[in-house]
Amino acid sequence: MAHIAVIGERARVEGWALGGALAVPADDPDEVRAAWHALDDDVSVVVLTPAAARCLEEERERHPDAVLIVVTPP
C-alpha cells in the first residue's frame, strides 16, 4: 500500500497525522534532508512545506521521478 509523508516545520505538519499521513517534523535544513533520505520505499507521495521544499531543491532535481511531490501554499 502506498503511503503519504509530510515533511516540514512541526507546527505545519503535525495535523496531517490526523488524516493518516506520516508526519515528519523537520525544523532545519539538516532535519529536512535526513527526513527525506529516511523515507521508506512504500512512500509514494511527499507533501513538503515551502521551507522544506527549498531545502530539497537539489535532491528533487537529481531524482525528479522518485515520488510525487506536492508543496503546500505558504
PDB file of N, CA and C in Angstrom:
ATOM      1  N   MET A   1       0.840  -1.180   0.000  1.00  0.00           N
ATOM      2  CA  MET A   1       0.000   0.000   0.000  1.00  0.00           C
ATOM      3  C   MET A   1       0.887   1.247   0.000  1.00  0.00           C
ATOM      4  N   ALA A   2       0.561   2.208  -0.812  1.00  0.00           N
ATOM      5  CA  ALA A   2       1.315   3.448  -0.880  1.00  0.00           C
ATOM      6  C   ALA A   2       0.962   4.341   0.300  1.00  0.00           C
ATOM      7  N   HIS A   3       1.946   5.077   0.751  1.00  0.00           N
ATOM      8  CA  HIS A   3       1.736   5.969   1.878  1.00  0.00           C
ATOM      9  C   HIS A   3       2.077   7.405   1.501  1.00  0.00           C
ATOM     10  N   ILE A   4       1.576   8.324   2.322  1.00  0.00           N
ATOM     11  CA  ILE A   4       1.843   9.748   2.158  1.00  0.00           C
ATOM     12  C   ILE A   4       2.680  10.208   3.341  1.00  0.00           C
ATOM     13  N   ALA A   5       3.747  10.934   3.064  1.00  0.00           N
ATOM     14  CA  ALA A   5       4.574  11.526   4.113  1.00  0.00           C
ATOM     15  C   ALA A   5       4.530  13.042   3.965  1.00  0.00           C
ATOM     16  N   VAL A   6       4.588  13.723   5.084  1.00  0.00           N
ATOM     17  CA  VAL A   6       4.582  15.185   5.094  1.00  0.00           C
ATOM     18  C   VAL A   6       5.816  15.642   5.866  1.00  0.00           C
ATOM     19  N   ILE A   7       6.659  16.439   5.223  1.00  0.00           N
ATOM     20  CA  ILE A   7       7.907  16.896   5.834  1.00  0.00           C
ATOM     21  C   ILE A   7       7.892  18.419   5.928  1.00  0.00           C
ATOM     22  N   GLY A   8       8.254  18.919   7.096  1.00  0.00           N
ATOM     23  CA  GLY A   8       8.355  20.367   7.271  1.00  0.00           C
ATOM     24  C   GLY A   8       8.288  20.770   8.723  1.00  0.00           C
ATOM     25  N   GLU A   9       8.085  22.043   8.934  1.00  0.00           N
ATOM     26  CA  GLU A   9       8.061  22.582  10.280  1.00  0.00           C
ATOM     27  C   GLU A   9       6.969  21.909  11.113  1.00  0.00           C
ATOM     28  N   ARG A  10       7.316  21.610  12.363  1.00  0.00           N
ATOM     29  CA  ARG A  10       6.430  20.863  13.257  1.00  0.00           C
ATOM     30  C   ARG A  10       5.005  21.428  13.271  1.00  0.00           C
ATOM     31  N   ALA A  11       4.860  22.715  13.434  1.00  0.00           N
ATOM     32  CA  ALA A  11       3.529  23.320  13.535  1.00  0.00           C
ATOM     33  C   ALA A  11       2.710  23.152  12.260  1.00  0.00           C
ATOM     34  N   ARG A  12       3.374  22.961  11.126  1.00  0.00           N
ATOM     35  CA  ARG A  12       2.663  22.851   9.850  1.00  0.00           C
ATOM     36  C   ARG A  12       2.392  21.420   9.419  1.00  0.00           C
ATOM     37  N   VAL A  13       3.037  20.428  10.059  1.00  0.00           N
ATOM     38  CA  VAL A  13       2.856  19.051   9.591  1.00  0.00           C
ATOM     39  C   VAL A  13       2.117  18.140  10.567  1.00  0.00           C
ATOM     40  N   GLU A  14       2.101  18.476  11.846  1.00  0.00           N
ATOM     41  CA  GLU A  14       1.522  17.552  12.822  1.00  0.00           C
ATOM     42  C   GLU A  14       0.065  17.207  12.538  1.00  0.00           C
ATOM     43  N   GLY A  15      -0.723  18.150  12.070  1.00  0.00           N
ATOM     44  CA  GLY A  15      -2.133  17.899  11.806  1.00  0.00           C
ATOM     45  C   GLY A  15      -2.378  16.867  10.718  1.00  0.00           C
ATOM     46  N   TRP A  16      -1.437  16.696   9.816  1.00  0.00           N
ATOM     47  CA  TRP A  16      -1.590  15.723   8.736  1.00  0.00           C
ATOM     48  C   TRP A  16      -1.690  14.302   9.270  1.00  0.00           C
ATOM     49  N   ALA A  17      -1.116  14.055  10.428  1.00  0.00           N
ATOM     50  CA  ALA A  17      -1.177  12.712  11.016  1.00  0.00           C
ATOM     51  C   ALA A  17      -2.615  12.326  11.341  1.00  0.00           C
ATOM     52  N   LEU A  18      -3.460  13.296  11.622  1.00  0.00           N
ATOM     53  CA  LEU A  18      -4.866  13.005  11.903  1.00  0.00           C
ATOM     54  C   LEU A  18      -5.558  12.384  10.696  1.00  0.00           C
ATOM     55  N   GLY A  19      -5.081  12.696   9.512  1.00  0.00           N
ATOM     56  CA  GLY A  19      -5.645  12.143   8.285  1.00  0.00           C
ATOM     57  C   GLY A  19      -4.959  10.868   7.823  1.00  0.00           C
ATOM     58  N   GLY A  20      -4.020  10.375   8.622  1.00  0.00           N
ATOM     59  CA  GLY A  20      -3.364   9.120   8.287  1.00  0.00           C
ATOM     60  C   GLY A  20      -2.014   9.247   7.609  1.00  0.00           C
ATOM     61  N   ALA A  21      -1.566  10.465   7.363  1.00  0.00           N
ATOM     62  CA  ALA A  21      -0.253  10.651   6.735  1.00  0.00           C
ATOM     63  C   ALA A  21       0.851  10.486   7.774  1.00  0.00           C
ATOM     64  N   LEU A  22       2.023  10.157   7.299  1.00  0.00           N
ATOM     65  CA  LEU A  22       3.200  10.099   8.149  1.00  0.00           C
ATOM     66  C   LEU A  22       3.736  11.518   8.269  1.00  0.00           C
ATOM     67  N   ALA A  23       3.557  12.136   9.434  1.00  0.00           N
ATOM     68  CA  ALA A  23       4.037  13.496   9.665  1.00  0.00           C
ATOM     69  C   ALA A  23       5.471  13.427  10.170  1.00  0.00           C
ATOM     70  N   VAL A  24       6.377  14.109   9.466  1.00  0.00           N
ATOM     71  CA  VAL A  24       7.793  14.085   9.826  1.00  0.00           C
ATOM     72  C   VAL A  24       8.237  15.522  10.105  1.00  0.00           C
ATOM     73  N   PRO A  25       8.195  15.934  11.372  1.00  0.00           N
ATOM     74  CA  PRO A  25       8.636  17.289  11.697  1.00  0.00           C
ATOM     75  C   PRO A  25      10.124  17.466  11.405  1.00  0.00           C
ATOM     76  N   ALA A  26      10.452  18.557  10.736  1.00  0.00           N
ATOM     77  CA  ALA A  26      11.844  18.867  10.402  1.00  0.00           C
ATOM     78  C   ALA A  26      11.960  20.384  10.387  1.00  0.00           C
ATOM     79  N   ASP A  27      12.608  20.919  11.399  1.00  0.00           N
ATOM     80  CA  ASP A  27      12.631  22.367  11.578  1.00  0.00           C
ATOM     81  C   ASP A  27      13.870  23.069  11.028  1.00  0.00           C
ATOM     82  N   ASP A  28      14.835  22.327  10.525  1.00  0.00           N
ATOM     83  CA  ASP A  28      16.002  22.972   9.915  1.00  0.00           C
ATOM     84  C   ASP A  28      16.441  22.144   8.705  1.00  0.00           C
ATOM     85  N   PRO A  29      17.286  22.713   7.854  1.00  0.00           N
ATOM     86  CA  PRO A  29      17.670  22.015   6.621  1.00  0.00           C
ATOM     87  C   PRO A  29      18.258  20.625   6.834  1.00  0.00           C
ATOM     88  N   ASP A  30      19.073  20.447   7.866  1.00  0.00           N
ATOM     89  CA  ASP A  30      19.654  19.122   8.111  1.00  0.00           C
ATOM     90  C   ASP A  30      18.575  18.102   8.451  1.00  0.00           C
ATOM     91  N   GLU A  31      17.590  18.508   9.260  1.00  0.00           N
ATOM     92  CA  GLU A  31      16.489  17.606   9.604  1.00  0.00           C
ATOM     93  C   GLU A  31      15.650  17.277   8.378  1.00  0.00           C
ATOM     94  N   VAL A  32      15.440  18.256   7.503  1.00  0.00           N
ATOM     95  CA  VAL A  32      14.660  18.024   6.280  1.00  0.00           C
ATOM     96  C   VAL A  32      15.365  16.996   5.398  1.00  0.00           C
ATOM     97  N   ARG A  33      16.654  17.187   5.177  1.00  0.00           N
ATOM     98  CA  ARG A  33      17.396  16.239   4.339  1.00  0.00           C
ATOM     99  C   ARG A  33      17.432  14.845   4.963  1.00  0.00           C
ATOM    100  N   ALA A  34      17.597  14.777   6.275  1.00  0.00           N
ATOM    101  CA  ALA A  34      17.601  13.479   6.958  1.00  0.00           C
ATOM    102  C   ALA A  34      16.244  12.800   6.824  1.00  0.00           C
ATOM    103  N   ALA A  35      15.167  13.566   6.960  1.00  0.00           N
ATOM    104  CA  ALA A  35      13.822  13.002   6.827  1.00  0.00           C
ATOM    105  C   ALA A  35      13.602  12.470   5.413  1.00  0.00           C
ATOM    106  N   TRP A  36      14.044  13.214   4.413  1.00  0.00           N
ATOM    107  CA  TRP A  36      13.903  12.808   3.008  1.00  0.00           C
ATOM    108  C   TRP A  36      14.615  11.482   2.751  1.00  0.00           C
ATOM    109  N   HIS A  37      15.838  11.377   3.240  1.00  0.00           N
ATOM    110  CA  HIS A  37      16.629  10.166   2.997  1.00  0.00           C
ATOM    111  C   HIS A  37      16.144   8.980   3.821  1.00  0.00           C
ATOM    112  N   ALA A  38      15.391   9.236   4.875  1.00  0.00           N
ATOM    113  CA  ALA A  38      14.892   8.155   5.732  1.00  0.00           C
ATOM    114  C   ALA A  38      13.532   7.621   5.289  1.00  0.00           C
ATOM    115  N   LEU A  39      12.943   8.203   4.243  1.00  0.00           N
ATOM    116  CA  LEU A  39      11.622   7.748   3.805  1.00  0.00           C
ATOM    117  C   LEU A  39      11.673   6.291   3.351  1.00  0.00           C
ATOM    118  N   ASP A  40      10.651   5.536   3.732  1.00  0.00           N
ATOM    119  CA  ASP A  40      10.550   4.141   3.310  1.00  0.00           C
ATOM    120  C   ASP A  40      10.177   4.054   1.833  1.00  0.00           C
ATOM    121  N   ASP A  41      10.439   2.915   1.244  1.00  0.00           N
ATOM    122  CA  ASP A  41      10.124   2.696  -0.172  1.00  0.00           C
ATOM    123  C   ASP A  41       8.633   2.702  -0.466  1.00  0.00           C
ATOM    124  N   ASP A  42       7.793   2.493   0.561  1.00  0.00           N
ATOM    125  CA  ASP A  42       6.353   2.459   0.321  1.00  0.00           C
ATOM    126  C   ASP A  42       5.718   3.850   0.321  1.00  0.00           C
ATOM    127  N   VAL A  43       6.513   4.895   0.493  1.00  0.00           N
ATOM    128  CA  VAL A  43       6.007   6.268   0.405  1.00  0.00           C
ATOM    129  C   VAL A  43       5.988   6.666  -1.066  1.00  0.00           C
ATOM    130  N   SER A  44       4.805   7.025  -1.561  1.00  0.00           N
ATOM    131  CA  SER A  44       4.703   7.388  -2.973  1.00  0.00           C
ATOM    132  C   SER A  44       4.341   8.853  -3.188  1.00  0.00           C
ATOM    133  N   VAL A  45       3.889   9.527  -2.123  1.00  0.00           N
ATOM    134  CA  VAL A  45       3.564  10.951  -2.199  1.00  0.00           C
ATOM    135  C   VAL A  45       4.229  11.642  -1.013  1.00  0.00           C
ATOM    136  N   VAL A  46       4.932  12.729  -1.294  1.00  0.00           N
ATOM    137  CA  VAL A  46       5.548  13.513  -0.224  1.00  0.00           C
ATOM    138  C   VAL A  46       5.017  14.935  -0.321  1.00  0.00           C
ATOM    139  N   VAL A  47       4.438  15.402   0.771  1.00  0.00           N
ATOM    140  CA  VAL A  47       3.963  16.775   0.875  1.00  0.00           C
ATOM    141  C   VAL A  47       5.042  17.555   1.624  1.00  0.00           C
ATOM    142  N   LEU A  48       5.479  18.659   1.040  1.00  0.00           N
ATOM    143  CA  LEU A  48       6.519  19.485   1.648  1.00  0.00           C
ATOM    144  C   LEU A  48       5.986  20.873   1.950  1.00  0.00           C
ATOM    145  N   THR A  49       6.410  21.441   3.066  1.00  0.00           N
ATOM    146  CA  THR A  49       6.141  22.853   3.300  1.00  0.00           C
ATOM    147  C   THR A  49       7.072  23.641   2.376  1.00  0.00           C
ATOM    148  N   PRO A  50       6.782  24.912   2.120  1.00  0.00           N
ATOM    149  CA  PRO A  50       7.670  25.684   1.249  1.00  0.00           C
ATOM    150  C   PRO A  50       9.123  25.707   1.736  1.00  0.00           C
ATOM    151  N   ALA A  51       9.322  25.816   3.045  1.00  0.00           N
ATOM    152  CA  ALA A  51      10.689  25.836   3.583  1.00  0.00           C
ATOM    153  C   ALA A  51      11.391  24.506   3.331  1.00  0.00           C
ATOM    154  N   ALA A  52      10.689  23.409   3.528  1.00  0.00           N
ATOM    155  CA  ALA A  52      11.278  22.088   3.283  1.00  0.00           C
ATOM    156  C   ALA A  52      11.582  21.911   1.797  1.00  0.00           C
ATOM    157  N   ALA A  53      10.690  22.393   0.948  1.00  0.00           N
ATOM    158  CA  ALA A  53      10.906  22.274  -0.498  1.00  0.00           C
ATOM    159  C   ALA A  53      12.176  23.008  -0.923  1.00  0.00           C
ATOM    160  N   ARG A  54      12.418  24.179  -0.341  1.00  0.00           N
ATOM    161  CA  ARG A  54      13.638  24.929  -0.679  1.00  0.00           C
ATOM    162  C   ARG A  54      14.884  24.142  -0.271  1.00  0.00           C
ATOM    163  N   CYS A  55      14.817  23.454   0.855  1.00  0.00           N
ATOM    164  CA  CYS A  55      15.965  22.668   1.333  1.00  0.00           C
ATOM    165  C   CYS A  55      16.266  21.486   0.419  1.00  0.00           C
ATOM    166  N   LEU A  56      15.252  21.008  -0.284  1.00  0.00           N
ATOM    167  CA  LEU A  56      15.406  19.799  -1.090  1.00  0.00           C
ATOM    168  C   LEU A  56      15.478  20.063  -2.592  1.00  0.00           C
ATOM    169  N   GLU A  57      15.663  21.313  -2.994  1.00  0.00           N
ATOM    170  CA  GLU A  57      15.662  21.633  -4.424  1.00  0.00           C
ATOM    171  C   GLU A  57      16.661  20.790  -5.211  1.00  0.00           C
ATOM    172  N   GLU A  58      17.891  20.693  -4.739  1.00  0.00           N
ATOM    173  CA  GLU A  58      18.905  19.912  -5.463  1.00  0.00           C
ATOM    174  C   GLU A  58      18.532  18.440  -5.522  1.00  0.00           C
ATOM    175  N   GLU A  59      18.085  17.903  -4.410  1.00  0.00           N
ATOM    176  CA  GLU A  59      17.707  16.486  -4.349  1.00  0.00           C
ATOM    177  C   GLU A  59      16.547  16.198  -5.304  1.00  0.00           C
ATOM    178  N   ARG A  60      15.589  17.088  -5.342  1.00  0.00           N
ATOM    179  CA  ARG A  60      14.432  16.896  -6.221  1.00  0.00           C
ATOM    180  C   ARG A  60      14.847  16.954  -7.685  1.00  0.00           C
ATOM    181  N   GLU A  61      15.821  17.805  -8.019  1.00  0.00           N
ATOM    182  CA  GLU A  61      16.299  17.895  -9.401  1.00  0.00           C
ATOM    183  C   GLU A  61      17.067  16.643  -9.809  1.00  0.00           C
ATOM    184  N   ARG A  62      17.809  16.050  -8.869  1.00  0.00           N
ATOM    185  CA  ARG A  62      18.579  14.836  -9.170  1.00  0.00           C
ATOM    186  C   ARG A  62      17.691  13.624  -9.380  1.00  0.00           C
ATOM    187  N   HIS A  63      16.567  13.574  -8.685  1.00  0.00           N
ATOM    188  CA  HIS A  63      15.670  12.417  -8.743  1.00  0.00           C
ATOM    189  C   HIS A  63      14.233  12.896  -8.962  1.00  0.00           C
ATOM    190  N   PRO A  64      13.939  13.453 -10.119  1.00  0.00           N
ATOM    191  CA  PRO A  64      12.618  14.060 -10.332  1.00  0.00           C
ATOM    192  C   PRO A  64      11.458  13.071 -10.307  1.00  0.00           C
ATOM    193  N   ASP A  65      11.712  11.804 -10.565  1.00  0.00           N
ATOM    194  CA  ASP A  65      10.623  10.832 -10.611  1.00  0.00           C
ATOM    195  C   ASP A  65      10.600   9.912  -9.401  1.00  0.00           C
ATOM    196  N   ALA A  66      11.330  10.257  -8.350  1.00  0.00           N
ATOM    197  CA  ALA A  66      11.413   9.383  -7.178  1.00  0.00           C
ATOM    198  C   ALA A  66      10.042   9.175  -6.546  1.00  0.00           C
ATOM    199  N   VAL A  67       9.334  10.242  -6.301  1.00  0.00           N
ATOM    200  CA  VAL A  67       7.988  10.194  -5.725  1.00  0.00           C
ATOM    201  C   VAL A  67       7.219  11.397  -6.250  1.00  0.00           C
ATOM    202  N   LEU A  68       5.910  11.373  -6.061  1.00  0.00           N
ATOM    203  CA  LEU A  68       5.100  12.543  -6.387  1.00  0.00           C
ATOM    204  C   LEU A  68       5.280  13.543  -5.256  1.00  0.00           C
ATOM    205  N   ILE A  69       5.660  14.766  -5.593  1.00  0.00           N
ATOM    206  CA  ILE A  69       5.914  15.791  -4.581  1.00  0.00           C
ATOM    207  C   ILE A  69       4.882  16.897  -4.721  1.00  0.00           C
ATOM    208  N   VAL A  70       4.318  17.280  -3.579  1.00  0.00           N
ATOM    209  CA  VAL A  70       3.357  18.370  -3.509  1.00  0.00           C
ATOM    210  C   VAL A  70       3.914  19.389  -2.529  1.00  0.00           C
ATOM    211  N   VAL A  71       3.892  20.663  -2.897  1.00  0.00           N
ATOM    212  CA  VAL A  71       4.348  21.717  -1.990  1.00  0.00           C
ATOM    213  C   VAL A  71       3.124  22.505  -1.546  1.00  0.00           C
ATOM    214  N   THR A  72       2.976  22.646  -0.222  1.00  0.00           N
ATOM    215  CA  THR A  72       1.826  23.366   0.318  1.00  0.00           C
ATOM    216  C   THR A  72       1.967  24.857   0.035  1.00  0.00           C
ATOM    217  N   PRO A  73       0.862  25.570   0.022  1.00  0.00           N
ATOM    218  CA  PRO A  73       0.949  27.023  -0.133  1.00  0.00           C
ATOM    219  C   PRO A  73       1.601  27.644   1.107  1.00  0.00           C
ATOM    220  N   PRO A  74       2.173  28.827   0.952  1.00  0.00           N
ATOM    221  CA  PRO A  74       2.808  29.492   2.112  1.00  0.00           C
ATOM    222  C   PRO A  74       1.813  29.829   3.202  1.00  0.00           C
TER     223      PRO A  74
END
